[in-house]
Amino acid sequence: DFGHNAGLNAQHMAAEEEAAVFEVFRQYLVDELCYDPQKRYFALSFMAAEMTNLGNDIRRKLLQMTNTVERLRLVTASVEEIVAMSRARKLANAITDQQDDDERELKVGQPELPPWAKSIRKGMVVEYYWNEEFEW
């Protein structure tokens, strides 16, 4: 399982690098040079953009913005989306890890009707029953 261990090692190294970047930003830029709140917001915005690896489109907007509070709001909203997607993936993985392979047919999005439902027309009589054993 060398490939799996190599992937974990790469993730570990990336996490260490991100922690080092965070520490440099915090210690030298935010704590020592940013006494002014506007400069601090500026530094924090770009630190968050770097740490979360935001796309170039967001980074361009950040560079063009002059209002530091609005810049920080844009970064915060972008980071919230990333965090929400990460949480959703973790939740979906937790649900699927607890179930058998037969029960892992989770789909995201609008539920689809079975093919036979398309043949039902207005005025048709449809019979159905409830199965107590299988609860369907």
N, C-alpha and C. Protein backbone atom coordinates (compact mmCIF):
# COMPACT_ATOMS: atom_id res chain seq x y z
N ASP A 1 0.82 -1.19 0.00
CA ASP A 1 0.00 0.00 0.00
C ASP A 1 0.86 1.25 0.00
N PHE A 2 1.92 1.21 -0.79
CA PHE A 2 2.88 2.32 -0.86
C PHE A 2 2.23 3.60 -1.35
N GLY A 3 1.35 3.49 -2.35
CA GLY A 3 0.68 4.67 -2.91
C GLY A 3 -0.14 5.41 -1.87
N HIS A 4 -0.84 4.64 -1.03
CA HIS A 4 -1.67 5.26 0.01
C HIS A 4 -0.79 5.99 1.03
N ASN A 5 0.31 5.36 1.45
CA ASN A 5 1.21 5.99 2.41
C ASN A 5 1.89 7.21 1.82
N ALA A 6 2.23 7.15 0.54
CA ALA A 6 2.84 8.30 -0.12
C ALA A 6 1.87 9.47 -0.17
N GLY A 7 0.59 9.16 -0.42
CA GLY A 7 -0.43 10.22 -0.43
C GLY A 7 -0.59 10.85 0.93
N LEU A 8 -0.60 10.02 1.96
CA LEU A 8 -0.72 10.55 3.33
C LEU A 8 0.51 11.38 3.69
N ASN A 9 1.67 10.93 3.28
CA ASN A 9 2.90 11.67 3.55
C ASN A 9 2.87 13.03 2.85
N ALA A 10 2.38 13.07 1.62
CA ALA A 10 2.28 14.33 0.89
C ALA A 10 1.28 15.27 1.57
N GLN A 11 0.17 14.73 2.05
CA GLN A 11 -0.81 15.55 2.77
C GLN A 11 -0.21 16.10 4.05
N HIS A 12 0.56 15.27 4.75
CA HIS A 12 1.20 15.70 5.98
C HIS A 12 2.20 16.83 5.71
N MET A 13 2.98 16.68 4.66
CA MET A 13 3.96 17.71 4.31
C MET A 13 3.26 19.01 3.91
N ALA A 14 2.16 18.90 3.17
CA ALA A 14 1.41 20.10 2.77
C ALA A 14 0.83 20.80 4.00
N ALA A 15 0.33 20.01 4.96
CA ALA A 15 -0.21 20.61 6.18
C ALA A 15 0.88 21.30 6.99
N GLU A 16 2.06 20.71 7.04
CA GLU A 16 3.17 21.35 7.75
C GLU A 16 3.57 22.65 7.07
N GLU A 17 3.58 22.66 5.74
CA GLU A 17 3.93 23.87 5.01
C GLU A 17 2.91 24.97 5.26
N GLU A 18 1.62 24.61 5.24
CA GLU A 18 0.58 25.59 5.51
C GLU A 18 0.68 26.14 6.93
N ALA A 19 1.00 25.28 7.88
CA ALA A 19 1.18 25.75 9.26
C ALA A 19 2.36 26.71 9.36
N ALA A 20 3.43 26.43 8.63
CA ALA A 20 4.59 27.32 8.65
C ALA A 20 4.25 28.66 8.01
N VAL A 21 3.52 28.64 6.90
CA VAL A 21 3.09 29.89 6.25
C VAL A 21 2.23 30.70 7.20
N PHE A 22 1.29 30.02 7.86
CA PHE A 22 0.43 30.70 8.82
C PHE A 22 1.24 31.35 9.94
N GLU A 23 2.21 30.63 10.46
CA GLU A 23 3.02 31.15 11.57
C GLU A 23 3.84 32.36 11.13
N VAL A 24 4.40 32.31 9.93
CA VAL A 24 5.16 33.46 9.42
C VAL A 24 4.25 34.66 9.24
N PHE A 25 3.08 34.47 8.63
CA PHE A 25 2.14 35.56 8.47
C PHE A 25 1.76 36.14 9.83
N ARG A 26 1.38 35.28 10.74
CA ARG A 26 0.91 35.75 12.03
C ARG A 26 2.00 36.47 12.81
N GLN A 27 3.15 35.86 12.88
CA GLN A 27 4.21 36.39 13.73
C GLN A 27 4.83 37.67 13.17
N TYR A 28 5.19 37.66 11.90
CA TYR A 28 5.94 38.78 11.35
C TYR A 28 5.08 39.84 10.71
N LEU A 29 4.01 39.45 10.08
CA LEU A 29 3.21 40.43 9.37
C LEU A 29 2.09 40.99 10.24
N VAL A 30 1.28 40.13 10.79
CA VAL A 30 0.11 40.58 11.54
C VAL A 30 0.50 41.16 12.89
N ASP A 31 1.28 40.43 13.67
CA ASP A 31 1.60 40.88 15.02
C ASP A 31 2.55 42.07 15.06
N GLU A 32 3.59 42.07 14.21
CA GLU A 32 4.61 43.10 14.31
C GLU A 32 4.35 44.32 13.44
N LEU A 33 3.81 44.15 12.25
CA LEU A 33 3.70 45.26 11.31
C LEU A 33 2.30 45.84 11.17
N CYS A 34 1.31 45.15 11.66
CA CYS A 34 -0.07 45.58 11.40
C CYS A 34 -0.74 46.09 12.67
N TYR A 35 -0.31 47.23 13.14
CA TYR A 35 -0.97 47.82 14.30
C TYR A 35 -2.29 48.45 13.89
N ASP A 36 -2.34 48.98 12.69
CA ASP A 36 -3.54 49.62 12.16
C ASP A 36 -4.55 48.53 11.76
N PRO A 37 -5.82 48.66 12.16
CA PRO A 37 -6.82 47.64 11.80
C PRO A 37 -6.94 47.42 10.29
N GLN A 38 -6.83 48.49 9.49
CA GLN A 38 -6.95 48.34 8.04
C GLN A 38 -5.83 47.46 7.48
N LYS A 39 -4.62 47.68 7.97
CA LYS A 39 -3.49 46.85 7.53
C LYS A 39 -3.65 45.41 8.00
N ARG A 40 -4.19 45.25 9.18
CA ARG A 40 -4.42 43.90 9.72
C ARG A 40 -5.46 43.17 8.88
N TYR A 41 -6.55 43.85 8.51
CA TYR A 41 -7.58 43.23 7.66
C TYR A 41 -6.99 42.85 6.31
N PHE A 42 -6.15 43.74 5.77
CA PHE A 42 -5.50 43.46 4.49
C PHE A 42 -4.66 42.18 4.59
N ALA A 43 -3.83 42.10 5.62
CA ALA A 43 -2.95 40.95 5.79
C ALA A 43 -3.76 39.67 6.02
N LEU A 44 -4.78 39.75 6.85
CA LEU A 44 -5.60 38.57 7.14
C LEU A 44 -6.34 38.08 5.90
N SER A 45 -6.80 39.01 5.07
CA SER A 45 -7.49 38.62 3.84
C SER A 45 -6.59 37.80 2.94
N PHE A 46 -5.38 38.28 2.74
CA PHE A 46 -4.47 37.57 1.86
C PHE A 46 -3.93 36.30 2.50
N MET A 47 -3.80 36.29 3.80
CA MET A 47 -3.39 35.08 4.48
C MET A 47 -4.45 33.99 4.30
N ALA A 48 -5.71 34.36 4.48
CA ALA A 48 -6.80 33.39 4.31
C ALA A 48 -6.88 32.91 2.86
N ALA A 49 -6.69 33.81 1.92
CA ALA A 49 -6.72 33.43 0.50
C ALA A 49 -5.60 32.45 0.19
N GLU A 50 -4.43 32.69 0.76
CA GLU A 50 -3.29 31.79 0.53
C GLU A 50 -3.50 30.45 1.21
N MET A 51 -3.95 30.47 2.44
CA MET A 51 -4.10 29.23 3.21
C MET A 51 -5.18 28.32 2.61
N THR A 52 -6.22 28.90 2.06
CA THR A 52 -7.32 28.09 1.51
C THR A 52 -7.17 27.87 0.01
N ASN A 53 -6.09 28.41 -0.56
CA ASN A 53 -5.80 28.22 -1.97
C ASN A 53 -6.97 28.67 -2.85
N LEU A 54 -7.44 29.88 -2.60
CA LEU A 54 -8.55 30.42 -3.38
C LEU A 54 -8.14 30.58 -4.84
N GLY A 55 -9.11 30.54 -5.71
CA GLY A 55 -8.84 30.64 -7.14
C GLY A 55 -8.33 32.01 -7.55
N ASN A 56 -7.77 32.07 -8.75
CA ASN A 56 -7.20 33.32 -9.24
C ASN A 56 -8.24 34.40 -9.44
N ASP A 57 -9.48 34.01 -9.77
CA ASP A 57 -10.53 35.02 -9.95
C ASP A 57 -10.79 35.77 -8.65
N ILE A 58 -10.84 35.05 -7.53
CA ILE A 58 -11.05 35.69 -6.23
C ILE A 58 -9.82 36.53 -5.86
N ARG A 59 -8.64 36.01 -6.12
CA ARG A 59 -7.42 36.75 -5.80
C ARG A 59 -7.34 38.05 -6.59
N ARG A 60 -7.75 38.02 -7.86
CA ARG A 60 -7.77 39.25 -8.66
C ARG A 60 -8.70 40.29 -8.04
N LYS A 61 -9.88 39.82 -7.62
CA LYS A 61 -10.82 40.74 -6.98
C LYS A 61 -10.22 41.33 -5.72
N LEU A 62 -9.53 40.50 -4.94
CA LEU A 62 -8.91 40.98 -3.71
C LEU A 62 -7.89 42.07 -3.99
N LEU A 63 -7.11 41.88 -5.02
CA LEU A 63 -6.10 42.88 -5.37
C LEU A 63 -6.71 44.18 -5.88
N GLN A 64 -7.86 44.08 -6.52
CA GLN A 64 -8.51 45.27 -7.07
C GLN A 64 -9.30 46.05 -6.02
N MET A 65 -9.71 45.39 -4.95
CA MET A 65 -10.54 46.05 -3.94
C MET A 65 -9.71 47.02 -3.11
N THR A 66 -10.33 48.15 -2.75
CA THR A 66 -9.65 49.12 -1.90
C THR A 66 -10.22 49.14 -0.49
N ASN A 67 -11.43 48.65 -0.31
CA ASN A 67 -12.07 48.62 1.00
C ASN A 67 -11.65 47.33 1.71
N THR A 68 -10.86 47.48 2.77
CA THR A 68 -10.31 46.29 3.44
C THR A 68 -11.39 45.45 4.13
N VAL A 69 -12.44 46.10 4.62
CA VAL A 69 -13.51 45.36 5.28
C VAL A 69 -14.27 44.52 4.25
N GLU A 70 -14.56 45.10 3.10
CA GLU A 70 -15.24 44.35 2.04
C GLU A 70 -14.35 43.22 1.52
N ARG A 71 -13.05 43.47 1.44
CA ARG A 71 -12.11 42.44 1.02
C ARG A 71 -12.17 41.26 1.99
N LEU A 72 -12.16 41.56 3.28
CA LEU A 72 -12.22 40.51 4.29
C LEU A 72 -13.54 39.76 4.22
N ARG A 73 -14.62 40.47 3.94
CA ARG A 73 -15.93 39.81 3.80
C ARG A 73 -15.95 38.85 2.61
N LEU A 74 -15.35 39.28 1.49
CA LEU A 74 -15.30 38.42 0.31
C LEU A 74 -14.50 37.15 0.61
N VAL A 75 -13.37 37.30 1.25
CA VAL A 75 -12.56 36.13 1.60
C VAL A 75 -13.32 35.22 2.55
N THR A 76 -13.96 35.81 3.54
CA THR A 76 -14.71 35.02 4.52
C THR A 76 -15.82 34.23 3.84
N ALA A 77 -16.53 34.86 2.93
CA ALA A 77 -17.61 34.15 2.22
C ALA A 77 -17.04 33.01 1.39
N SER A 78 -15.92 33.23 0.72
CA SER A 78 -15.30 32.19 -0.09
C SER A 78 -14.82 31.04 0.77
N VAL A 79 -14.23 31.37 1.91
CA VAL A 79 -13.73 30.33 2.82
C VAL A 79 -14.90 29.54 3.40
N GLU A 80 -16.01 30.23 3.71
CA GLU A 80 -17.19 29.53 4.23
C GLU A 80 -17.69 28.48 3.24
N GLU A 81 -17.69 28.81 1.94
CA GLU A 81 -18.12 27.85 0.93
C GLU A 81 -17.21 26.63 0.93
N ILE A 82 -15.91 26.86 1.02
CA ILE A 82 -14.95 25.75 1.02
C ILE A 82 -15.16 24.87 2.25
N VAL A 83 -15.33 25.51 3.40
CA VAL A 83 -15.53 24.76 4.65
C VAL A 83 -16.84 23.98 4.60
N ALA A 84 -17.90 24.60 4.08
CA ALA A 84 -19.20 23.92 3.99
C ALA A 84 -19.11 22.69 3.09
N MET A 85 -18.42 22.81 1.95
CA MET A 85 -18.26 21.66 1.05
C MET A 85 -17.43 20.57 1.72
N SER A 86 -16.41 20.98 2.44
CA SER A 86 -15.58 19.99 3.14
C SER A 86 -16.39 19.25 4.19
N ARG A 87 -17.20 19.98 4.94
CA ARG A 87 -18.05 19.34 5.95
C ARG A 87 -19.06 18.40 5.30
N ALA A 88 -19.64 18.82 4.18
CA ALA A 88 -20.61 17.98 3.49
C ALA A 88 -19.95 16.69 3.01
N ARG A 89 -18.71 16.79 2.48
CA ARG A 89 -18.01 15.59 2.04
C ARG A 89 -17.73 14.67 3.22
N LYS A 90 -17.29 15.24 4.33
CA LYS A 90 -17.00 14.42 5.52
C LYS A 90 -18.26 13.73 6.02
N LEU A 91 -19.38 14.46 6.03
CA LEU A 91 -20.64 13.88 6.46
C LEU A 91 -21.08 12.76 5.52
N ALA A 92 -20.98 12.99 4.23
CA ALA A 92 -21.36 11.95 3.26
C ALA A 92 -20.46 10.73 3.40
N ASN A 93 -19.16 10.96 3.60
CA ASN A 93 -18.24 9.83 3.80
C ASN A 93 -18.56 9.08 5.09
N ALA A 94 -18.90 9.81 6.14
CA ALA A 94 -19.25 9.15 7.41
C ALA A 94 -20.50 8.30 7.25
N ILE A 95 -21.47 8.80 6.50
CA ILE A 95 -22.70 8.04 6.28
C ILE A 95 -22.42 6.80 5.45
N THR A 96 -21.66 6.96 4.37
CA THR A 96 -21.40 5.81 3.50
C THR A 96 -20.46 4.80 4.14
N ASP A 97 -19.55 5.25 4.99
CA ASP A 97 -18.64 4.32 5.65
C ASP A 97 -19.37 3.40 6.62
N GLN A 98 -20.50 3.85 7.15
CA GLN A 98 -21.26 3.06 8.11
C GLN A 98 -22.18 2.05 7.44
N GLN A 99 -22.36 2.13 6.14
CA GLN A 99 -23.33 1.29 5.46
C GLN A 99 -22.67 0.23 4.60
N ASP A 100 -23.46 -0.77 4.25
CA ASP A 100 -23.00 -1.81 3.35
C ASP A 100 -22.86 -1.24 1.94
N ASP A 101 -22.20 -2.02 1.08
CA ASP A 101 -22.07 -1.60 -0.31
C ASP A 101 -23.43 -1.52 -1.00
N ASP A 102 -24.38 -2.37 -0.57
CA ASP A 102 -25.72 -2.35 -1.17
C ASP A 102 -26.46 -1.06 -0.84
N GLU A 103 -26.15 -0.45 0.27
CA GLU A 103 -26.87 0.75 0.71
C GLU A 103 -26.17 2.04 0.29
N ARG A 104 -25.07 1.97 -0.43
CA ARG A 104 -24.29 3.15 -0.78
C ARG A 104 -24.74 3.82 -2.07
N GLU A 105 -25.95 3.79 -2.37
CA GLU A 105 -26.44 4.39 -3.60
C GLU A 105 -26.94 5.81 -3.34
N LEU A 106 -26.15 6.61 -2.65
CA LEU A 106 -26.51 7.99 -2.37
C LEU A 106 -26.29 8.84 -3.60
N LYS A 107 -27.23 9.71 -3.88
CA LYS A 107 -27.09 10.63 -5.00
C LYS A 107 -27.38 12.02 -4.49
N VAL A 108 -26.68 12.99 -5.05
CA VAL A 108 -26.86 14.38 -4.68
C VAL A 108 -27.66 15.05 -5.77
N GLY A 109 -28.59 15.90 -5.37
CA GLY A 109 -29.36 16.65 -6.35
C GLY A 109 -30.83 16.28 -6.33
N GLN A 110 -31.48 16.63 -7.41
CA GLN A 110 -32.92 16.40 -7.55
C GLN A 110 -33.18 14.91 -7.68
N PRO A 111 -34.11 14.35 -6.88
CA PRO A 111 -34.40 12.92 -7.01
C PRO A 111 -35.06 12.61 -8.35
N GLU A 112 -34.71 11.46 -8.91
CA GLU A 112 -35.26 11.05 -10.18
C GLU A 112 -36.40 10.06 -9.98
N LEU A 113 -37.40 10.15 -10.83
CA LEU A 113 -38.49 9.18 -10.80
C LEU A 113 -38.01 7.91 -11.51
N PRO A 114 -38.51 6.77 -11.08
CA PRO A 114 -38.15 5.54 -11.79
C PRO A 114 -38.72 5.57 -13.21
N PRO A 115 -38.13 4.83 -14.13
CA PRO A 115 -38.58 4.88 -15.53
C PRO A 115 -40.06 4.55 -15.72
N TRP A 116 -40.59 3.62 -14.92
CA TRP A 116 -41.99 3.23 -15.09
C TRP A 116 -42.94 4.38 -14.73
N ALA A 117 -42.51 5.34 -13.92
CA ALA A 117 -43.38 6.45 -13.52
C ALA A 117 -43.72 7.36 -14.70
N LYS A 118 -42.86 7.36 -15.72
CA LYS A 118 -43.11 8.20 -16.89
C LYS A 118 -44.28 7.70 -17.72
N SER A 119 -44.65 6.43 -17.54
CA SER A 119 -45.76 5.87 -18.31
C SER A 119 -47.12 6.18 -17.67
N ILE A 120 -47.15 6.74 -16.48
CA ILE A 120 -48.41 7.05 -15.81
C ILE A 120 -49.00 8.31 -16.45
N ARG A 121 -50.26 8.23 -16.80
CA ARG A 121 -50.98 9.36 -17.42
C ARG A 121 -52.15 9.76 -16.55
N LYS A 122 -52.61 10.96 -16.74
CA LYS A 122 -53.75 11.47 -15.99
C LYS A 122 -54.97 10.60 -16.27
N GLY A 123 -55.66 10.21 -15.19
CA GLY A 123 -56.85 9.38 -15.30
C GLY A 123 -56.56 7.89 -15.13
N MET A 124 -55.31 7.48 -15.12
CA MET A 124 -54.97 6.06 -14.94
C MET A 124 -55.18 5.68 -13.49
N VAL A 125 -55.54 4.42 -13.26
CA VAL A 125 -55.68 3.90 -11.92
C VAL A 125 -54.36 3.22 -11.54
N VAL A 126 -53.82 3.62 -10.41
CA VAL A 126 -52.55 3.06 -9.94
C VAL A 126 -52.82 2.36 -8.62
N GLU A 127 -52.42 1.10 -8.53
CA GLU A 127 -52.58 0.36 -7.29
C GLU A 127 -51.22 0.24 -6.62
N TYR A 128 -51.23 0.36 -5.33
CA TYR A 128 -49.99 0.18 -4.59
C TYR A 128 -50.33 -0.42 -3.24
N TYR A 129 -49.35 -0.96 -2.56
CA TYR A 129 -49.58 -1.51 -1.22
C TYR A 129 -48.35 -1.25 -0.37
N TRP A 130 -48.53 -1.34 0.92
CA TRP A 130 -47.46 -1.15 1.89
C TRP A 130 -47.03 -2.52 2.40
N ASN A 131 -45.77 -2.82 2.27
CA ASN A 131 -45.23 -4.09 2.73
C ASN A 131 -44.70 -3.88 4.14
N GLU A 132 -45.33 -4.49 5.11
CA GLU A 132 -44.94 -4.31 6.53
C GLU A 132 -43.54 -4.88 6.80
N GLU A 133 -43.21 -5.96 6.12
CA GLU A 133 -41.92 -6.60 6.37
C GLU A 133 -40.75 -5.72 5.89
N PHE A 134 -40.86 -5.19 4.68
CA PHE A 134 -39.79 -4.38 4.10
C PHE A 134 -40.01 -2.88 4.27
N GLU A 135 -41.15 -2.50 4.79
CA GLU A 135 -41.55 -1.09 5.00
C GLU A 135 -41.43 -0.25 3.74
N TRP A 136 -42.04 -0.76 2.70
CA TRP A 136 -42.14 0.02 1.45
C TRP A 136 -43.40 -0.36 0.72
